[in-house]
Each structure stands twice: as structure tokens, then as C-alpha cells.
Amino acid sequence: MRMITERPFEVEDRVEAGHWEGDLIMGTGNRSAIGTLLERSTRYLILLHIKDGVSSAETVAQALGTALAVLPVPVATQ
């Protein structure tokens, strides 16, 4: 994990694909949540449904794994 200010030039300038950014949007009391994944160069966006809110890191990891498993290879590895 890096601070945003520590991004390499390639990531900051969006000159190459393959650099993903993620975030969580949490509902009241963490009872609901949506994860976001954004590929910085192409602006390809994935919204993750976090079932039953965020109860653990495993819940988020499972949602990430499910979303990334169905990505076409060129999008996932560019």
C-alpha cells in the first residue's frame, strides 16, 4: 500500500494501463457497502456488491476475487 502522493510517474500520468485503484463506500453502521475498482488509464470501472456490508477483510477479498475472475484477460493484465 502506498500513499497517493507516492505514485510512480506511469500511474500518476496514466500513460499505461494496468494500474488499479480501489475504494469502499460504507453505509450507516457498515450494514451495506459498495467497493469500487478503477483502472486509471482506461477508466474501466467495476462496482462490487459487498454482501451484507463489510464484516471482515475476507468479505471484501471475496467480492474482489469474484469481480476480477470474470474480467477479460486483456483488461485484467494490461
N, C-alpha and C. Protein backbone atom coordinates (compact mmCIF):
# COMPACT_ATOMS: atom_id res chain seq x y z
N MET A 1 0.84 -1.17 0.00
CA MET A 1 0.00 0.00 0.00
C MET A 1 0.90 1.24 0.00
N ARG A 2 0.51 2.18 -0.84
CA ARG A 2 1.26 3.44 -0.92
C ARG A 2 0.32 4.62 -0.76
N MET A 3 0.87 5.72 -0.34
CA MET A 3 0.12 6.96 -0.29
C MET A 3 -0.04 7.47 -1.72
N ILE A 4 -1.12 8.16 -1.99
CA ILE A 4 -1.37 8.68 -3.33
C ILE A 4 -0.22 9.56 -3.80
N THR A 5 0.40 10.31 -2.90
CA THR A 5 1.49 11.19 -3.27
C THR A 5 2.76 10.43 -3.66
N GLU A 6 2.81 9.13 -3.39
CA GLU A 6 3.99 8.31 -3.72
C GLU A 6 3.82 7.52 -5.01
N ARG A 7 2.79 7.82 -5.80
CA ARG A 7 2.57 7.10 -7.05
C ARG A 7 3.74 7.29 -8.01
N PRO A 8 4.12 6.23 -8.71
CA PRO A 8 5.12 6.38 -9.76
C PRO A 8 4.55 7.23 -10.91
N PHE A 9 5.42 7.79 -11.73
CA PHE A 9 5.01 8.65 -12.84
C PHE A 9 4.01 7.95 -13.76
N GLU A 10 4.25 6.68 -14.09
CA GLU A 10 3.39 5.95 -15.02
C GLU A 10 1.96 5.86 -14.52
N VAL A 11 1.81 5.75 -13.23
CA VAL A 11 0.48 5.66 -12.63
C VAL A 11 -0.16 7.04 -12.59
N GLU A 12 0.57 8.01 -12.12
CA GLU A 12 0.05 9.37 -11.98
C GLU A 12 -0.36 9.96 -13.33
N ASP A 13 0.46 9.73 -14.36
CA ASP A 13 0.22 10.32 -15.67
C ASP A 13 -0.73 9.49 -16.53
N ARG A 14 -1.07 8.29 -16.08
CA ARG A 14 -1.98 7.39 -16.80
C ARG A 14 -1.46 7.05 -18.20
N VAL A 15 -0.15 6.83 -18.33
CA VAL A 15 0.43 6.53 -19.64
C VAL A 15 0.36 5.05 -19.99
N GLU A 16 0.10 4.19 -19.03
CA GLU A 16 -0.03 2.77 -19.32
C GLU A 16 -1.17 2.17 -18.52
N ALA A 17 -1.80 1.18 -19.12
CA ALA A 17 -2.91 0.51 -18.44
C ALA A 17 -2.38 -0.52 -17.46
N GLY A 18 -3.24 -0.95 -16.54
CA GLY A 18 -2.88 -1.99 -15.60
C GLY A 18 -2.73 -1.52 -14.17
N HIS A 19 -2.98 -0.24 -13.93
CA HIS A 19 -2.88 0.31 -12.59
C HIS A 19 -4.29 0.55 -12.06
N TRP A 20 -4.65 -0.22 -11.05
CA TRP A 20 -5.99 -0.18 -10.49
C TRP A 20 -6.01 0.58 -9.17
N GLU A 21 -7.14 1.23 -8.92
CA GLU A 21 -7.36 1.97 -7.70
C GLU A 21 -8.66 1.44 -7.10
N GLY A 22 -8.72 1.29 -5.81
CA GLY A 22 -9.93 0.79 -5.18
C GLY A 22 -10.34 1.61 -3.99
N ASP A 23 -11.63 1.51 -3.68
CA ASP A 23 -12.15 2.22 -2.52
C ASP A 23 -13.41 1.50 -2.04
N LEU A 24 -13.84 1.81 -0.83
CA LEU A 24 -15.08 1.28 -0.27
C LEU A 24 -16.00 2.43 0.10
N ILE A 25 -17.27 2.26 -0.23
CA ILE A 25 -18.29 3.21 0.18
C ILE A 25 -19.14 2.47 1.21
N MET A 26 -19.12 2.97 2.42
CA MET A 26 -19.77 2.28 3.53
C MET A 26 -21.09 2.93 3.88
N GLY A 27 -22.10 2.09 4.12
CA GLY A 27 -23.39 2.57 4.57
C GLY A 27 -23.40 2.77 6.08
N THR A 28 -24.50 3.26 6.57
CA THR A 28 -24.66 3.51 8.00
C THR A 28 -24.45 2.23 8.80
N GLY A 29 -23.59 2.30 9.79
CA GLY A 29 -23.32 1.15 10.64
C GLY A 29 -22.66 0.00 9.92
N ASN A 30 -22.07 0.26 8.76
CA ASN A 30 -21.42 -0.78 7.94
C ASN A 30 -22.37 -1.91 7.55
N ARG A 31 -23.67 -1.63 7.52
CA ARG A 31 -24.64 -2.66 7.16
C ARG A 31 -24.71 -2.87 5.65
N SER A 32 -24.19 -1.93 4.89
CA SER A 32 -24.14 -2.07 3.44
C SER A 32 -22.84 -1.46 2.94
N ALA A 33 -22.38 -1.94 1.81
CA ALA A 33 -21.13 -1.40 1.26
C ALA A 33 -21.05 -1.69 -0.23
N ILE A 34 -20.37 -0.81 -0.93
CA ILE A 34 -20.06 -0.98 -2.35
C ILE A 34 -18.57 -0.74 -2.49
N GLY A 35 -17.91 -1.64 -3.19
CA GLY A 35 -16.50 -1.46 -3.50
C GLY A 35 -16.36 -0.91 -4.90
N THR A 36 -15.35 -0.10 -5.12
CA THR A 36 -15.08 0.42 -6.46
C THR A 36 -13.66 0.02 -6.87
N LEU A 37 -13.52 -0.38 -8.11
CA LEU A 37 -12.21 -0.64 -8.71
C LEU A 37 -12.17 0.17 -10.00
N LEU A 38 -11.13 0.96 -10.16
CA LEU A 38 -10.99 1.80 -11.34
C LEU A 38 -9.62 1.59 -11.95
N GLU A 39 -9.59 1.24 -13.23
CA GLU A 39 -8.32 1.16 -13.96
C GLU A 39 -8.02 2.58 -14.40
N ARG A 40 -6.89 3.12 -13.99
CA ARG A 40 -6.62 4.55 -14.15
C ARG A 40 -6.47 5.01 -15.59
N SER A 41 -5.92 4.20 -16.46
CA SER A 41 -5.69 4.64 -17.83
C SER A 41 -6.96 4.55 -18.69
N THR A 42 -7.62 3.44 -18.66
CA THR A 42 -8.81 3.23 -19.49
C THR A 42 -10.08 3.75 -18.85
N ARG A 43 -10.03 4.00 -17.54
CA ARG A 43 -11.18 4.43 -16.74
C ARG A 43 -12.25 3.34 -16.65
N TYR A 44 -11.84 2.09 -16.85
CA TYR A 44 -12.74 0.95 -16.71
C TYR A 44 -13.11 0.84 -15.24
N LEU A 45 -14.41 0.82 -14.95
CA LEU A 45 -14.89 0.84 -13.58
C LEU A 45 -15.64 -0.45 -13.26
N ILE A 46 -15.38 -1.00 -12.10
CA ILE A 46 -16.10 -2.15 -11.59
C ILE A 46 -16.68 -1.77 -10.24
N LEU A 47 -17.97 -2.00 -10.07
CA LEU A 47 -18.61 -1.80 -8.78
C LEU A 47 -18.83 -3.16 -8.15
N LEU A 48 -18.44 -3.29 -6.90
CA LEU A 48 -18.54 -4.56 -6.19
C LEU A 48 -19.67 -4.50 -5.17
N HIS A 49 -20.54 -5.47 -5.25
CA HIS A 49 -21.57 -5.60 -4.22
C HIS A 49 -20.96 -6.36 -3.05
N ILE A 50 -20.87 -5.70 -1.92
CA ILE A 50 -20.35 -6.36 -0.72
C ILE A 50 -21.57 -6.87 0.05
N LYS A 51 -21.80 -8.16 -0.03
CA LYS A 51 -23.00 -8.76 0.56
C LYS A 51 -23.02 -8.54 2.07
N ASP A 52 -24.14 -8.07 2.56
CA ASP A 52 -24.36 -7.86 3.99
C ASP A 52 -23.37 -6.89 4.62
N GLY A 53 -22.87 -5.95 3.85
CA GLY A 53 -21.94 -4.96 4.38
C GLY A 53 -20.55 -5.54 4.58
N VAL A 54 -19.71 -4.78 5.22
CA VAL A 54 -18.33 -5.19 5.43
C VAL A 54 -18.21 -5.79 6.83
N SER A 55 -18.13 -7.10 6.88
CA SER A 55 -17.97 -7.75 8.18
C SER A 55 -16.52 -8.12 8.44
N SER A 56 -15.73 -8.24 7.36
CA SER A 56 -14.32 -8.61 7.53
C SER A 56 -13.55 -8.35 6.25
N ALA A 57 -12.24 -8.43 6.36
CA ALA A 57 -11.38 -8.31 5.18
C ALA A 57 -11.67 -9.45 4.20
N GLU A 58 -12.04 -10.61 4.72
CA GLU A 58 -12.34 -11.76 3.85
C GLU A 58 -13.57 -11.48 2.98
N THR A 59 -14.56 -10.77 3.52
CA THR A 59 -15.75 -10.41 2.75
C THR A 59 -15.37 -9.55 1.55
N VAL A 60 -14.52 -8.56 1.80
CA VAL A 60 -14.07 -7.67 0.72
C VAL A 60 -13.20 -8.45 -0.27
N ALA A 61 -12.30 -9.27 0.23
CA ALA A 61 -11.43 -10.06 -0.65
C ALA A 61 -12.24 -11.00 -1.53
N GLN A 62 -13.29 -11.59 -0.99
CA GLN A 62 -14.14 -12.48 -1.78
C GLN A 62 -14.84 -11.72 -2.90
N ALA A 63 -15.36 -10.53 -2.61
CA ALA A 63 -16.00 -9.72 -3.64
C ALA A 63 -15.00 -9.30 -4.72
N LEU A 64 -13.79 -8.94 -4.31
CA LEU A 64 -12.74 -8.59 -5.28
C LEU A 64 -12.39 -9.77 -6.17
N GLY A 65 -12.20 -10.93 -5.56
CA GLY A 65 -11.86 -12.13 -6.32
C GLY A 65 -12.92 -12.49 -7.32
N THR A 66 -14.18 -12.40 -6.92
CA THR A 66 -15.29 -12.72 -7.81
C THR A 66 -15.31 -11.77 -9.00
N ALA A 67 -15.14 -10.48 -8.76
CA ALA A 67 -15.18 -9.49 -9.83
C ALA A 67 -13.99 -9.65 -10.78
N LEU A 68 -12.80 -9.86 -10.24
CA LEU A 68 -11.61 -9.95 -11.09
C LEU A 68 -11.56 -11.26 -11.87
N ALA A 69 -12.20 -12.30 -11.35
CA ALA A 69 -12.18 -13.61 -12.03
C ALA A 69 -12.91 -13.58 -13.36
N VAL A 70 -13.86 -12.69 -13.52
CA VAL A 70 -14.65 -12.65 -14.76
C VAL A 70 -14.16 -11.59 -15.75
N LEU A 71 -13.10 -10.88 -15.40
CA LEU A 71 -12.55 -9.87 -16.32
C LEU A 71 -11.91 -10.55 -17.52
N PRO A 72 -12.09 -9.99 -18.71
CA PRO A 72 -11.34 -10.49 -19.85
C PRO A 72 -9.85 -10.31 -19.59
N VAL A 73 -9.03 -11.24 -20.04
CA VAL A 73 -7.59 -11.21 -19.77
C VAL A 73 -6.94 -9.89 -20.17
N PRO A 74 -7.23 -9.33 -21.35
CA PRO A 74 -6.58 -8.06 -21.71
C PRO A 74 -6.88 -6.92 -20.73
N VAL A 75 -8.08 -6.88 -20.19
CA VAL A 75 -8.43 -5.81 -19.25
C VAL A 75 -7.71 -6.04 -17.92
N ALA A 76 -7.65 -7.27 -17.48
CA ALA A 76 -7.06 -7.59 -16.19
C ALA A 76 -5.55 -7.40 -16.17
N THR A 77 -4.88 -7.59 -17.29
CA THR A 77 -3.42 -7.61 -17.28
C THR A 77 -2.77 -6.47 -18.04
N GLN A 78 -3.53 -5.56 -18.60
CA GLN A 78 -2.91 -4.50 -19.41
C GLN A 78 -2.02 -3.64 -18.57
